[in-house]
Protein backbone atom coordinates (compact mmCIF):
# COMPACT_ATOMS: atom_id res chain seq x y z
CA MET A 1 -20.35 11.41 -13.10
CA LYS A 2 -18.04 11.20 -10.10
CA ILE A 3 -15.45 8.42 -10.10
CA LYS A 4 -15.17 6.52 -6.82
CA PRO A 5 -11.57 6.23 -5.64
CA TYR A 6 -10.01 3.07 -4.29
CA TYR A 7 -6.99 2.60 -2.05
CA ILE A 8 -3.88 0.47 -2.51
CA LEU A 9 -1.83 -0.82 0.41
CA ILE A 10 1.82 -1.23 -0.54
CA LYS A 11 4.89 -2.47 1.29
CA TRP A 12 8.22 -0.92 0.34
CA ASN A 13 11.20 -3.16 -0.42
CA LYS A 14 13.56 -2.00 2.32
CA SER A 15 16.60 -3.71 0.78
CA HIS A 16 16.56 -1.19 -2.09
CA PRO A 17 18.67 1.93 -1.34
CA GLN A 18 16.00 4.28 -2.72
CA ASN A 19 13.55 3.11 -0.02
CA LYS A 20 15.94 3.52 2.90
CA PHE A 21 14.03 6.37 4.58
CA LYS A 22 10.48 5.53 3.48
CA PRO A 23 7.91 4.08 5.87
CA SER A 24 7.47 0.31 5.66
CA HIS A 25 3.84 0.55 4.45
CA GLU A 26 1.96 3.24 2.56
CA ILE A 27 -1.58 3.78 1.25
CA TRP A 28 -2.07 5.21 -2.23
CA ARG A 29 -5.34 6.67 -3.51
CA ASP A 30 -6.25 6.12 -7.16
CA CYS A 31 -9.24 6.32 -9.50
CA ASP A 32 -7.85 4.52 -12.57
CA ASP A 33 -8.80 0.87 -12.14
CA SER A 34 -7.13 -0.11 -15.44
CA TYR A 35 -3.60 0.70 -14.20
CA ALA A 36 -1.51 -2.32 -13.23
CA TYR A 37 0.73 -1.62 -10.26
CA GLY A 38 4.03 -3.41 -9.90
CA SER A 39 7.67 -2.55 -9.31
CA PRO A 40 10.78 -4.03 -7.71
CA LEU A 41 10.61 -1.07 -5.29
CA TYR A 42 7.34 -2.18 -3.63
CA GLU A 43 4.86 -5.01 -3.21
CA VAL A 44 1.11 -4.47 -3.58
CA LEU A 45 -0.54 -6.10 -0.58
CA ASP A 46 -4.21 -5.42 -1.37
CA TYR A 47 -6.83 -3.08 -2.85
CA PHE A 48 -9.59 -1.48 -0.74
CA ASP A 49 -12.81 0.45 -1.36
CA SER A 50 -12.36 2.71 1.68
CA PHE A 51 -9.44 4.45 3.31
CA ALA A 52 -10.54 3.21 6.74
CA SER A 53 -10.31 -0.45 5.73
CA ALA A 54 -6.90 0.15 4.11
CA ARG A 55 -5.64 1.89 7.26
CA LYS A 56 -6.92 -0.98 9.43
CA GLN A 57 -5.08 -3.54 7.29
CA LYS A 58 -1.93 -1.37 7.35
CA TYR A 59 -2.04 -1.47 11.15
CA ILE A 60 -2.46 -5.27 11.11
CA GLU A 61 0.45 -5.71 8.68
CA LYS A 62 2.76 -3.49 10.73
CA ARG A 63 1.87 -5.34 13.94
CA ALA A 64 2.54 -8.70 12.27
CA GLU A 65 5.88 -7.37 11.03
CA LYS A 66 6.92 -6.39 14.56
CA ILE A 67 5.97 -9.81 15.95
CA ASN A 68 8.03 -11.69 13.33
């Protein structure tokens, strides 16, 4: 049985020195739906069933960030 992956859109906490050179948003691929994501280094924005929908939301988030 093949496990269907899902995609997680995260936003890095730029005030942390470890994230200084990371992009503002990133998409992670995962197959373990029982894992709970959370860290002071990043914020989970949303979970997606397809990479395309995650990438579309990433674009929307980055555009909103530039406007504000």
